[in-house]
N, C-alpha and C. Protein backbone atom coordinates (compact mmCIF):
# COMPACT_ATOMS: atom_id res chain seq x y z
N UNK A 1 130.55 -97.22 -93.89
CA UNK A 1 130.27 -98.39 -94.29
C UNK A 1 131.27 -99.33 -95.03
N UNK A 2 131.14 -100.52 -95.07
CA UNK A 2 131.73 -101.32 -95.46
C UNK A 2 131.74 -101.20 -96.88
N UNK A 3 133.01 -101.27 -97.86
CA UNK A 3 133.07 -101.02 -99.32
C UNK A 3 134.43 -101.67 -99.77
N UNK A 4 134.85 -101.46 -101.08
CA UNK A 4 136.07 -101.98 -101.79
C UNK A 4 137.12 -101.32 -101.11
N UNK A 5 137.10 -100.32 -100.36
CA UNK A 5 138.26 -99.46 -100.03
C UNK A 5 138.70 -100.04 -98.49
N UNK A 6 137.70 -100.39 -97.70
CA UNK A 6 138.13 -100.67 -96.47
C UNK A 6 137.73 -102.25 -96.16
N UNK A 7 137.37 -103.06 -97.14
CA UNK A 7 137.06 -104.46 -97.18
C UNK A 7 138.66 -105.42 -96.71
N UNK A 8 138.41 -106.19 -95.60
CA UNK A 8 139.69 -107.14 -95.80
C UNK A 8 138.65 -108.27 -95.14
N UNK A 9 139.12 -109.51 -95.26
CA UNK A 9 138.57 -110.78 -95.10
C UNK A 9 138.14 -110.81 -93.57
N UNK A 10 139.07 -110.14 -92.84
CA UNK A 10 138.54 -110.41 -91.31
C UNK A 10 137.50 -109.56 -90.87
N UNK A 11 136.97 -108.40 -91.08
CA UNK A 11 136.29 -107.59 -91.39
C UNK A 11 134.82 -108.18 -91.83
N UNK A 12 134.97 -108.85 -93.05
CA UNK A 12 133.92 -109.63 -93.52
C UNK A 12 133.37 -110.73 -92.58
N UNK A 13 134.21 -111.67 -92.02
CA UNK A 13 134.02 -112.66 -91.17
C UNK A 13 133.59 -112.17 -89.97
N UNK A 14 134.02 -111.12 -89.34
CA UNK A 14 133.33 -110.37 -88.12
C UNK A 14 131.83 -109.94 -88.40
N UNK A 15 131.69 -109.38 -89.56
CA UNK A 15 130.36 -109.03 -90.09
C UNK A 15 129.17 -110.04 -90.01
N UNK A 16 129.71 -111.18 -90.62
CA UNK A 16 128.98 -112.56 -90.86
C UNK A 16 128.92 -113.14 -89.45
N UNK A 17 130.05 -113.45 -88.57
CA UNK A 17 129.54 -113.83 -87.36
C UNK A 17 128.69 -112.93 -86.35
N UNK A 18 128.78 -111.45 -86.48
CA UNK A 18 127.66 -110.44 -85.71
C UNK A 18 126.30 -110.84 -86.28
N UNK A 19 126.03 -111.03 -87.63
CA UNK A 19 124.90 -111.48 -88.01
C UNK A 19 124.29 -112.80 -87.34
N UNK A 20 125.24 -113.74 -87.42
CA UNK A 20 124.75 -114.98 -86.97
C UNK A 20 124.49 -114.85 -85.26
N UNK A 21 124.97 -114.05 -84.65
CA UNK A 21 124.79 -113.70 -83.16
C UNK A 21 123.47 -112.97 -82.95
N UNK A 22 123.20 -112.27 -84.16
CA UNK A 22 121.93 -111.61 -84.34
C UNK A 22 120.67 -112.45 -84.37
N UNK A 23 120.97 -113.49 -85.26
CA UNK A 23 120.02 -114.39 -85.62
C UNK A 23 119.84 -115.37 -84.26
N UNK A 24 121.12 -115.78 -83.60
CA UNK A 24 120.96 -116.42 -82.58
C UNK A 24 119.87 -115.81 -81.27
N UNK A 25 119.84 -114.62 -81.35
CA UNK A 25 118.95 -113.79 -80.39
C UNK A 25 117.56 -113.72 -81.08
N UNK A 26 117.29 -114.52 -82.13
CA UNK A 26 116.02 -114.80 -82.88
C UNK A 26 115.60 -113.46 -83.37
N UNK A 27 116.42 -112.42 -83.99
CA UNK A 27 116.18 -111.36 -84.81
C UNK A 27 116.79 -111.79 -86.10
N UNK A 28 115.55 -111.13 -86.91
CA UNK A 28 115.99 -110.96 -88.34
C UNK A 28 116.16 -109.49 -88.69
N UNK A 29 117.57 -109.10 -89.45
CA UNK A 29 117.56 -107.78 -89.65
C UNK A 29 116.80 -107.33 -90.88
N UNK A 30 116.47 -107.98 -92.13
CA UNK A 30 115.71 -107.59 -92.84
C UNK A 30 116.12 -106.53 -93.65
N UNK A 31 117.56 -106.02 -93.61
CA UNK A 31 117.66 -104.79 -94.44
C UNK A 31 119.53 -105.11 -94.45
N UNK A 32 119.83 -105.99 -94.76
CA UNK A 32 121.33 -106.31 -94.77
C UNK A 32 122.05 -105.70 -96.12
N UNK A 33 122.21 -104.55 -96.04
CA UNK A 33 122.88 -103.74 -97.20
C UNK A 33 123.95 -103.01 -96.59
N UNK A 34 125.12 -102.78 -97.38
CA UNK A 34 126.29 -102.12 -96.85
C UNK A 34 126.08 -100.94 -95.87
N UNK A 35 124.99 -100.21 -96.31
CA UNK A 35 124.93 -98.92 -95.28
C UNK A 35 124.79 -99.49 -94.01
N UNK A 36 124.09 -100.69 -93.83
CA UNK A 36 123.98 -100.85 -92.28
C UNK A 36 125.10 -101.71 -91.74
N UNK A 37 126.14 -101.74 -92.43
CA UNK A 37 127.34 -102.58 -91.99
C UNK A 37 128.71 -101.66 -91.99
N UNK A 38 128.73 -101.41 -90.74
CA UNK A 38 129.82 -99.92 -90.34
C UNK A 38 130.91 -100.68 -89.97
N UNK A 39 132.28 -100.21 -90.29
CA UNK A 39 133.27 -100.52 -89.90
C UNK A 39 134.18 -99.22 -89.15
N UNK A 40 134.60 -99.52 -87.97
CA UNK A 40 135.50 -98.35 -87.22
C UNK A 40 137.17 -98.91 -87.80
N UNK A 41 137.30 -98.13 -88.63
CA UNK A 41 138.73 -98.30 -89.17
C UNK A 41 139.86 -98.41 -88.11
N UNK A 42 139.86 -97.64 -87.29
CA UNK A 42 141.06 -97.56 -86.27
C UNK A 42 141.00 -98.57 -85.32
N UNK A 43 139.71 -99.43 -85.34
CA UNK A 43 139.58 -100.51 -84.26
C UNK A 43 139.36 -101.91 -84.84
N UNK A 44 138.90 -101.73 -85.88
CA UNK A 44 138.04 -102.75 -86.68
C UNK A 44 136.97 -103.29 -86.13
N UNK A 45 136.37 -102.48 -85.27
CA UNK A 45 135.04 -102.87 -84.63
C UNK A 45 134.17 -102.69 -85.96
N UNK A 46 133.12 -103.75 -85.96
CA UNK A 46 132.28 -103.69 -86.76
C UNK A 46 130.90 -103.67 -86.05
N UNK A 47 129.77 -102.78 -86.85
CA UNK A 47 128.40 -103.05 -86.18
C UNK A 47 127.32 -103.02 -87.26
N UNK A 48 126.30 -103.56 -86.95
CA UNK A 48 125.05 -103.78 -87.83
C UNK A 48 124.27 -102.68 -87.12
N UNK A 49 123.73 -101.83 -88.29
CA UNK A 49 122.92 -100.65 -87.69
C UNK A 49 121.47 -100.81 -88.37
N UNK A 50 120.56 -99.96 -87.97
CA UNK A 50 119.53 -99.91 -88.37
C UNK A 50 118.28 -100.99 -88.56
N UNK A 51 117.71 -101.01 -87.39
CA UNK A 51 116.70 -102.30 -87.15
C UNK A 51 115.27 -101.96 -87.48
N UNK A 52 115.18 -100.89 -88.27
CA UNK A 52 113.88 -100.28 -88.41
C UNK A 52 113.07 -101.48 -89.22
N UNK A 53 113.57 -102.34 -90.09
CA UNK A 53 112.74 -103.50 -90.79
C UNK A 53 112.91 -104.88 -90.14
N UNK A 54 113.55 -104.86 -88.99
CA UNK A 54 113.86 -106.21 -88.17
C UNK A 54 112.63 -106.69 -87.55
N UNK A 55 112.79 -108.24 -87.37
CA UNK A 55 111.68 -108.53 -86.78
C UNK A 55 111.90 -109.62 -85.63
N UNK A 56 111.38 -109.63 -84.51
CA UNK A 56 111.85 -110.89 -83.74
C UNK A 56 110.91 -112.36 -84.15
N UNK A 57 111.87 -113.06 -83.96
CA UNK A 57 111.23 -114.40 -84.50
C UNK A 57 110.04 -115.08 -83.61
N UNK A 58 108.92 -115.47 -84.60
CA UNK A 58 107.63 -115.92 -83.96
C UNK A 58 107.72 -117.15 -84.61
N UNK A 59 107.81 -118.25 -83.39
CA UNK A 59 107.58 -119.66 -83.95
C UNK A 59 106.07 -119.82 -84.62
N UNK A 60 105.10 -118.90 -84.51
CA UNK A 60 103.86 -119.31 -85.05
C UNK A 60 103.90 -119.01 -86.60
N UNK A 61 105.05 -118.20 -86.92
CA UNK A 61 105.40 -117.73 -88.49
C UNK A 61 105.95 -118.72 -89.36
N UNK A 62 105.68 -119.49 -90.27
CA UNK A 62 106.43 -120.61 -90.70
C UNK A 62 107.44 -119.93 -91.54
N UNK A 63 107.40 -118.56 -92.07
CA UNK A 63 108.30 -118.18 -93.02
C UNK A 63 109.71 -117.75 -92.16
N UNK A 64 109.73 -117.53 -91.23
CA UNK A 64 110.87 -117.30 -90.51
C UNK A 64 112.19 -118.06 -90.48
N UNK A 65 112.05 -119.25 -90.43
CA UNK A 65 113.19 -120.29 -90.52
C UNK A 65 113.92 -120.17 -91.85
N UNK A 66 113.06 -120.08 -92.82
CA UNK A 66 113.53 -119.73 -94.16
C UNK A 66 114.38 -118.30 -94.43
N UNK A 67 113.64 -117.37 -93.53
CA UNK A 67 114.29 -115.90 -93.80
C UNK A 67 115.74 -115.98 -93.18
N UNK A 68 115.84 -116.71 -92.03
CA UNK A 68 117.43 -116.76 -91.28
C UNK A 68 118.25 -117.08 -92.10
N UNK A 69 117.87 -118.20 -92.99
CA UNK A 69 118.73 -119.05 -93.85
C UNK A 69 119.13 -118.02 -94.85
N UNK A 70 118.05 -117.65 -95.57
CA UNK A 70 118.10 -116.68 -96.64
C UNK A 70 119.17 -115.51 -96.16
N UNK A 71 118.72 -114.73 -95.21
CA UNK A 71 119.61 -113.46 -94.90
C UNK A 71 120.88 -113.89 -94.69
N UNK A 72 121.16 -115.01 -94.32
CA UNK A 72 122.62 -115.69 -93.77
C UNK A 72 123.34 -115.78 -95.18
N UNK A 73 122.78 -116.53 -96.26
CA UNK A 73 123.15 -116.93 -97.44
C UNK A 73 123.23 -115.81 -98.38
N UNK A 74 122.55 -114.58 -98.33
CA UNK A 74 122.82 -113.52 -98.88
C UNK A 74 123.84 -112.57 -98.65
N UNK A 75 124.16 -112.61 -97.28
CA UNK A 75 125.24 -111.85 -96.45
C UNK A 75 126.48 -112.77 -97.14
N UNK A 76 126.59 -114.10 -97.22
CA UNK A 76 127.57 -114.89 -97.59
C UNK A 76 128.11 -114.68 -98.94
N UNK A 77 126.89 -114.72 -99.68
CA UNK A 77 127.39 -114.06 -101.43
C UNK A 77 127.72 -112.73 -101.51
N UNK A 78 127.19 -111.98 -100.47
CA UNK A 78 127.36 -110.19 -100.87
C UNK A 78 128.97 -110.52 -100.49
N UNK A 79 129.58 -110.84 -99.25
CA UNK A 79 130.99 -110.96 -98.85
C UNK A 79 131.83 -111.32 -100.01
N UNK A 80 131.35 -112.72 -100.52
CA UNK A 80 132.27 -113.24 -101.70
C UNK A 80 132.60 -112.24 -102.74
N UNK A 81 131.35 -111.50 -103.15
CA UNK A 81 131.52 -110.81 -104.22
C UNK A 81 132.31 -109.39 -103.82
N UNK A 82 132.11 -108.87 -102.71
CA UNK A 82 132.89 -107.75 -102.19
C UNK A 82 134.26 -107.95 -102.21
N UNK A 83 134.54 -109.18 -101.77
CA UNK A 83 136.11 -109.57 -101.71
C UNK A 83 136.74 -109.49 -103.54
N UNK A 84 135.70 -110.17 -104.19
CA UNK A 84 136.25 -109.92 -105.47
C UNK A 84 136.55 -108.55 -106.13
N UNK A 85 135.52 -107.65 -106.01
CA UNK A 85 135.31 -106.43 -106.59
C UNK A 85 136.63 -105.81 -105.70
N UNK A 86 136.95 -105.85 -104.47
CA UNK A 86 138.01 -105.52 -103.69
C UNK A 86 139.44 -105.54 -104.36
N UNK A 87 139.64 -107.13 -104.90
CA UNK A 87 140.87 -107.30 -105.45
C UNK A 87 140.70 -106.71 -106.92
N UNK A 88 139.56 -106.37 -107.50
CA UNK A 88 139.77 -105.90 -108.89
C UNK A 88 139.85 -104.32 -108.82
N UNK A 89 139.31 -103.85 -107.45
CA UNK A 89 139.56 -102.33 -107.38
C UNK A 89 138.41 -101.57 -107.86
N UNK A 90 137.14 -102.10 -108.15
CA UNK A 90 136.21 -101.73 -108.84
C UNK A 90 134.63 -102.38 -108.56
N UNK A 91 133.78 -101.56 -108.49
CA UNK A 91 132.60 -102.36 -108.29
C UNK A 91 131.91 -102.78 -109.39
N UNK A 92 131.80 -104.48 -109.38
CA UNK A 92 131.50 -105.04 -110.78
C UNK A 92 130.12 -105.93 -110.35
N UNK A 93 130.63 -106.96 -109.10
CA UNK A 93 129.46 -107.65 -108.61
C UNK A 93 128.49 -106.97 -107.41
N UNK A 94 128.85 -106.08 -107.21
CA UNK A 94 128.44 -105.26 -105.87
C UNK A 94 127.77 -104.30 -106.29
N UNK A 95 127.89 -103.91 -107.38
CA UNK A 95 127.58 -102.32 -107.90
C UNK A 95 126.09 -102.19 -107.52
N UNK A 96 125.36 -102.83 -107.55
CA UNK A 96 123.87 -102.63 -107.45
C UNK A 96 123.54 -102.49 -105.87
N UNK A 97 124.55 -103.05 -105.10
CA UNK A 97 124.42 -102.98 -103.70
C UNK A 97 124.78 -101.38 -103.23
N UNK A 98 125.33 -100.77 -103.89
CA UNK A 98 125.87 -99.39 -103.60
C UNK A 98 125.39 -98.31 -104.40
N UNK A 99 124.96 -98.28 -105.46
CA UNK A 99 124.52 -97.33 -106.53
C UNK A 99 122.83 -97.52 -106.93
N UNK A 100 122.55 -98.64 -106.78
CA UNK A 100 121.23 -98.50 -107.21
C UNK A 100 120.02 -98.11 -106.06
């Protein structure tokens, strides 16, 4: 899973890009926690796993467009905070994503 020990900006960008591709396929992940963002260290391959809570976009459901934007925004803010925590070498801003 991505954390302060294996964070690098390129991996963060790949995870955000992959989430955008998931959204382009009209799928909401609905569980964007680090435990579902995997890094394969020797290849820098990134994966999103655990689609148990995911939903396929339903044009009849007015909440979905807002959900895509919200999920993307949360991911963006999480990666910014994780980057700052990585520089500090400790969990400050992302502590609740890992330990609560």
